[in-house]
Amino acid sequence: MHNNMTGKVIVITGASSGVGEATARLLASQGAKIVLAACRADRINALAKELEK
């Protein structure tokens, strides 16, 4: 099965660690536009900067 995530907008809560972070990385690598939400601002900001590259 091949899922085309290019251009899809996905909101991920709990994205600063664990399953949420891994999901954000995977979907971003597949071309999805990711909206990240988490309580730990420092970690979410670091992840956002990494995924923007």
PDB file of N, CA and C in Angstrom:
ATOM      1  N   MET A   1       0.847  -1.175   0.000  1.00  0.00           N
ATOM      2  CA  MET A   1       0.000   0.000   0.000  1.00  0.00           C
ATOM      3  C   MET A   1       0.891   1.235   0.000  1.00  0.00           C
ATOM      4  N   HIS A   2       0.552   2.202  -0.844  1.00  0.00           N
ATOM      5  CA  HIS A   2       1.333   3.427  -0.935  1.00  0.00           C
ATOM      6  C   HIS A   2       0.428   4.603  -0.614  1.00  0.00           C
ATOM      7  N   ASN A   3       0.755   5.340   0.450  1.00  0.00           N
ATOM      8  CA  ASN A   3      -0.020   6.512   0.832  1.00  0.00           C
ATOM      9  C   ASN A   3       0.726   7.763   0.420  1.00  0.00           C
ATOM     10  N   ASN A   4       0.102   8.629  -0.357  1.00  0.00           N
ATOM     11  CA  ASN A   4       0.710   9.883  -0.756  1.00  0.00           C
ATOM     12  C   ASN A   4       0.319  10.959   0.247  1.00  0.00           C
ATOM     13  N   MET A   5       1.272  11.390   1.059  1.00  0.00           N
ATOM     14  CA  MET A   5       1.013  12.389   2.089  1.00  0.00           C
ATOM     15  C   MET A   5       1.337  13.800   1.622  1.00  0.00           C
ATOM     16  N   THR A   6       1.863  13.949   0.418  1.00  0.00           N
ATOM     17  CA  THR A   6       2.271  15.252  -0.086  1.00  0.00           C
ATOM     18  C   THR A   6       1.109  16.234  -0.059  1.00  0.00           C
ATOM     19  N   GLY A   7       1.341  17.361   0.644  1.00  0.00           N
ATOM     20  CA  GLY A   7       0.346  18.428   0.697  1.00  0.00           C
ATOM     21  C   GLY A   7      -0.747  18.254   1.731  1.00  0.00           C
ATOM     22  N   LYS A   8      -0.855  17.111   2.348  1.00  0.00           N
ATOM     23  CA  LYS A   8      -1.874  16.904   3.380  1.00  0.00           C
ATOM     24  C   LYS A   8      -1.456  17.657   4.642  1.00  0.00           C
ATOM     25  N   VAL A   9      -2.419  18.224   5.347  1.00  0.00           N
ATOM     26  CA  VAL A   9      -2.155  18.936   6.598  1.00  0.00           C
ATOM     27  C   VAL A   9      -2.567  18.029   7.745  1.00  0.00           C
ATOM     28  N   ILE A  10      -1.619  17.784   8.667  1.00  0.00           N
ATOM     29  CA  ILE A  10      -1.861  16.868   9.775  1.00  0.00           C
ATOM     30  C   ILE A  10      -1.489  17.549  11.080  1.00  0.00           C
ATOM     31  N   VAL A  11      -2.387  17.502  12.054  1.00  0.00           N
ATOM     32  CA  VAL A  11      -2.148  18.068  13.375  1.00  0.00           C
ATOM     33  C   VAL A  11      -1.716  16.933  14.299  1.00  0.00           C
ATOM     34  N   ILE A  12      -0.592  17.128  14.981  1.00  0.00           N
ATOM     35  CA  ILE A  12      -0.085  16.116  15.900  1.00  0.00           C
ATOM     36  C   ILE A  12       0.052  16.737  17.285  1.00  0.00           C
ATOM     37  N   THR A  13      -0.684  16.196  18.248  1.00  0.00           N
ATOM     38  CA  THR A  13      -0.544  16.640  19.634  1.00  0.00           C
ATOM     39  C   THR A  13       0.464  15.728  20.326  1.00  0.00           C
ATOM     40  N   GLY A  14       1.143  16.255  21.320  1.00  0.00           N
ATOM     41  CA  GLY A  14       2.157  15.471  22.012  1.00  0.00           C
ATOM     42  C   GLY A  14       3.369  15.220  21.137  1.00  0.00           C
ATOM     43  N   ALA A  15       3.671  16.184  20.274  1.00  0.00           N
ATOM     44  CA  ALA A  15       4.723  15.994  19.278  1.00  0.00           C
ATOM     45  C   ALA A  15       6.135  16.256  19.790  1.00  0.00           C
ATOM     46  N   SER A  16       6.300  16.568  21.058  1.00  0.00           N
ATOM     47  CA  SER A  16       7.646  16.895  21.542  1.00  0.00           C
ATOM     48  C   SER A  16       8.463  15.663  21.925  1.00  0.00           C
ATOM     49  N   SER A  17       7.832  14.487  21.964  1.00  0.00           N
ATOM     50  CA  SER A  17       8.585  13.269  22.305  1.00  0.00           C
ATOM     51  C   SER A  17       7.771  12.029  21.947  1.00  0.00           C
ATOM     52  N   GLY A  18       8.432  10.900  22.037  1.00  0.00           N
ATOM     53  CA  GLY A  18       7.773   9.611  21.887  1.00  0.00           C
ATOM     54  C   GLY A  18       7.095   9.392  20.549  1.00  0.00           C
ATOM     55  N   VAL A  19       5.909   8.802  20.612  1.00  0.00           N
ATOM     56  CA  VAL A  19       5.161   8.441  19.415  1.00  0.00           C
ATOM     57  C   VAL A  19       4.796   9.680  18.590  1.00  0.00           C
ATOM     58  N   GLY A  20       4.437  10.763  19.254  1.00  0.00           N
ATOM     59  CA  GLY A  20       4.083  11.990  18.536  1.00  0.00           C
ATOM     60  C   GLY A  20       5.250  12.535  17.742  1.00  0.00           C
ATOM     61  N   GLU A  21       6.433  12.551  18.340  1.00  0.00           N
ATOM     62  CA  GLU A  21       7.626  13.029  17.646  1.00  0.00           C
ATOM     63  C   GLU A  21       7.972  12.124  16.467  1.00  0.00           C
ATOM     64  N   ALA A  22       7.925  10.831  16.687  1.00  0.00           N
ATOM     65  CA  ALA A  22       8.228   9.879  15.616  1.00  0.00           C
ATOM     66  C   ALA A  22       7.228  10.001  14.471  1.00  0.00           C
ATOM     67  N   THR A  23       5.969  10.194  14.796  1.00  0.00           N
ATOM     68  CA  THR A  23       4.935  10.357  13.778  1.00  0.00           C
ATOM     69  C   THR A  23       5.167  11.624  12.975  1.00  0.00           C
ATOM     70  N   ALA A  24       5.523  12.704  13.655  1.00  0.00           N
ATOM     71  CA  ALA A  24       5.808  13.966  12.971  1.00  0.00           C
ATOM     72  C   ALA A  24       6.970  13.808  11.999  1.00  0.00           C
ATOM     73  N   ARG A  25       8.020  13.144  12.436  1.00  0.00           N
ATOM     74  CA  ARG A  25       9.187  12.925  11.569  1.00  0.00           C
ATOM     75  C   ARG A  25       8.813  12.086  10.339  1.00  0.00           C
ATOM     76  N   LEU A  26       8.074  11.032  10.563  1.00  0.00           N
ATOM     77  CA  LEU A  26       7.687  10.141   9.464  1.00  0.00           C
ATOM     78  C   LEU A  26       6.815  10.861   8.439  1.00  0.00           C
ATOM     79  N   LEU A  27       5.775  11.522   8.917  1.00  0.00           N
ATOM     80  CA  LEU A  27       4.845  12.172   7.998  1.00  0.00           C
ATOM     81  C   LEU A  27       5.490  13.349   7.277  1.00  0.00           C
ATOM     82  N   ALA A  28       6.356  14.088   7.968  1.00  0.00           N
ATOM     83  CA  ALA A  28       7.065  15.191   7.319  1.00  0.00           C
ATOM     84  C   ALA A  28       7.978  14.657   6.223  1.00  0.00           C
ATOM     85  N   SER A  29       8.616  13.521   6.480  1.00  0.00           N
ATOM     86  CA  SER A  29       9.507  12.934   5.473  1.00  0.00           C
ATOM     87  C   SER A  29       8.736  12.450   4.249  1.00  0.00           C
ATOM     88  N   GLN A  30       7.436  12.221   4.421  1.00  0.00           N
ATOM     89  CA  GLN A  30       6.584  11.770   3.317  1.00  0.00           C
ATOM     90  C   GLN A  30       5.887  12.935   2.618  1.00  0.00           C
ATOM     91  N   GLY A  31       6.222  14.179   3.011  1.00  0.00           N
ATOM     92  CA  GLY A  31       5.704  15.347   2.323  1.00  0.00           C
ATOM     93  C   GLY A  31       4.489  16.009   2.932  1.00  0.00           C
ATOM     94  N   ALA A  32       4.052  15.548   4.096  1.00  0.00           N
ATOM     95  CA  ALA A  32       2.894  16.161   4.747  1.00  0.00           C
ATOM     96  C   ALA A  32       3.274  17.499   5.367  1.00  0.00           C
ATOM     97  N   LYS A  33       2.291  18.375   5.477  1.00  0.00           N
ATOM     98  CA  LYS A  33       2.458  19.628   6.212  1.00  0.00           C
ATOM     99  C   LYS A  33       2.014  19.338   7.636  1.00  0.00           C
ATOM    100  N   ILE A  34       2.913  19.558   8.586  1.00  0.00           N
ATOM    101  CA  ILE A  34       2.668  19.155   9.969  1.00  0.00           C
ATOM    102  C   ILE A  34       2.403  20.360  10.858  1.00  0.00           C
ATOM    103  N   VAL A  35       1.353  20.266  11.664  1.00  0.00           N
ATOM    104  CA  VAL A  35       1.074  21.242  12.709  1.00  0.00           C
ATOM    105  C   VAL A  35       1.409  20.542  14.018  1.00  0.00           C
ATOM    106  N   LEU A  36       2.388  21.094  14.758  1.00  0.00           N
ATOM    107  CA  LEU A  36       2.860  20.465  15.990  1.00  0.00           C
ATOM    108  C   LEU A  36       2.259  21.134  17.213  1.00  0.00           C
ATOM    109  N   ALA A  37       1.878  20.313  18.198  1.00  0.00           N
ATOM    110  CA  ALA A  37       1.378  20.828  19.472  1.00  0.00           C
ATOM    111  C   ALA A  37       2.003  20.021  20.598  1.00  0.00           C
ATOM    112  N   ALA A  38       2.439  20.731  21.649  1.00  0.00           N
ATOM    113  CA  ALA A  38       3.030  20.062  22.810  1.00  0.00           C
ATOM    114  C   ALA A  38       3.175  21.070  23.939  1.00  0.00           C
ATOM    115  N   CYS A  39       3.392  20.566  25.128  1.00  0.00           N
ATOM    116  CA  CYS A  39       3.568  21.435  26.299  1.00  0.00           C
ATOM    117  C   CYS A  39       4.997  21.955  26.438  1.00  0.00           C
ATOM    118  N   ARG A  40       5.971  21.219  25.964  1.00  0.00           N
ATOM    119  CA  ARG A  40       7.378  21.595  26.127  1.00  0.00           C
ATOM    120  C   ARG A  40       7.848  22.431  24.939  1.00  0.00           C
ATOM    121  N   ALA A  41       7.815  23.743  25.124  1.00  0.00           N
ATOM    122  CA  ALA A  41       8.116  24.679  24.033  1.00  0.00           C
ATOM    123  C   ALA A  41       9.517  24.492  23.479  1.00  0.00           C
ATOM    124  N   ASP A  42      10.494  24.259  24.328  1.00  0.00           N
ATOM    125  CA  ASP A  42      11.873  24.117  23.845  1.00  0.00           C
ATOM    126  C   ASP A  42      12.018  22.927  22.905  1.00  0.00           C
ATOM    127  N   ARG A  43      11.420  21.817  23.255  1.00  0.00           N
ATOM    128  CA  ARG A  43      11.537  20.611  22.419  1.00  0.00           C
ATOM    129  C   ARG A  43      10.735  20.724  21.138  1.00  0.00           C
ATOM    130  N   ILE A  44       9.559  21.322  21.216  1.00  0.00           N
ATOM    131  CA  ILE A  44       8.729  21.449  20.024  1.00  0.00           C
ATOM    132  C   ILE A  44       9.356  22.433  19.047  1.00  0.00           C
ATOM    133  N   ASN A  45       9.966  23.496  19.571  1.00  0.00           N
ATOM    134  CA  ASN A  45      10.644  24.463  18.703  1.00  0.00           C
ATOM    135  C   ASN A  45      11.846  23.830  18.007  1.00  0.00           C
ATOM    136  N   ALA A  46      12.593  23.004  18.725  1.00  0.00           N
ATOM    137  CA  ALA A  46      13.748  22.318  18.133  1.00  0.00           C
ATOM    138  C   ALA A  46      13.287  21.355  17.037  1.00  0.00           C
ATOM    139  N   LEU A  47      12.218  20.626  17.282  1.00  0.00           N
ATOM    140  CA  LEU A  47      11.694  19.696  16.282  1.00  0.00           C
ATOM    141  C   LEU A  47      11.191  20.457  15.057  1.00  0.00           C
ATOM    142  N   ALA A  48      10.482  21.546  15.280  1.00  0.00           N
ATOM    143  CA  ALA A  48       9.956  22.336  14.158  1.00  0.00           C
ATOM    144  C   ALA A  48      11.100  22.850  13.278  1.00  0.00           C
ATOM    145  N   LYS A  49      12.152  23.347  13.890  1.00  0.00           N
ATOM    146  CA  LYS A  49      13.299  23.840  13.118  1.00  0.00           C
ATOM    147  C   LYS A  49      13.937  22.715  12.312  1.00  0.00           C
ATOM    148  N   GLU A  50      14.033  21.554  12.929  1.00  0.00           N
ATOM    149  CA  GLU A  50      14.623  20.389  12.231  1.00  0.00           C
ATOM    150  C   GLU A  50      13.768  19.970  11.039  1.00  0.00           C
ATOM    151  N   LEU A  51      12.469  19.937  11.217  1.00  0.00           N
ATOM    152  CA  LEU A  51      11.581  19.477  10.156  1.00  0.00           C
ATOM    153  C   LEU A  51      11.440  20.503   9.031  1.00  0.00           C
ATOM    154  N   GLU A  52      11.699  21.763   9.310  1.00  0.00           N
ATOM    155  CA  GLU A  52      11.626  22.796   8.267  1.00  0.00           C
ATOM    156  C   GLU A  52      12.733  22.623   7.238  1.00  0.00           C
ATOM    157  N   LYS A  53      13.835  21.977   7.610  1.00  0.00           N
ATOM    158  CA  LYS A  53      14.952  21.792   6.697  1.00  0.00           C
ATOM    159  C   LYS A  53      14.625  20.835   5.650  1.00  0.00           C
TER     160      LYS A  53
END
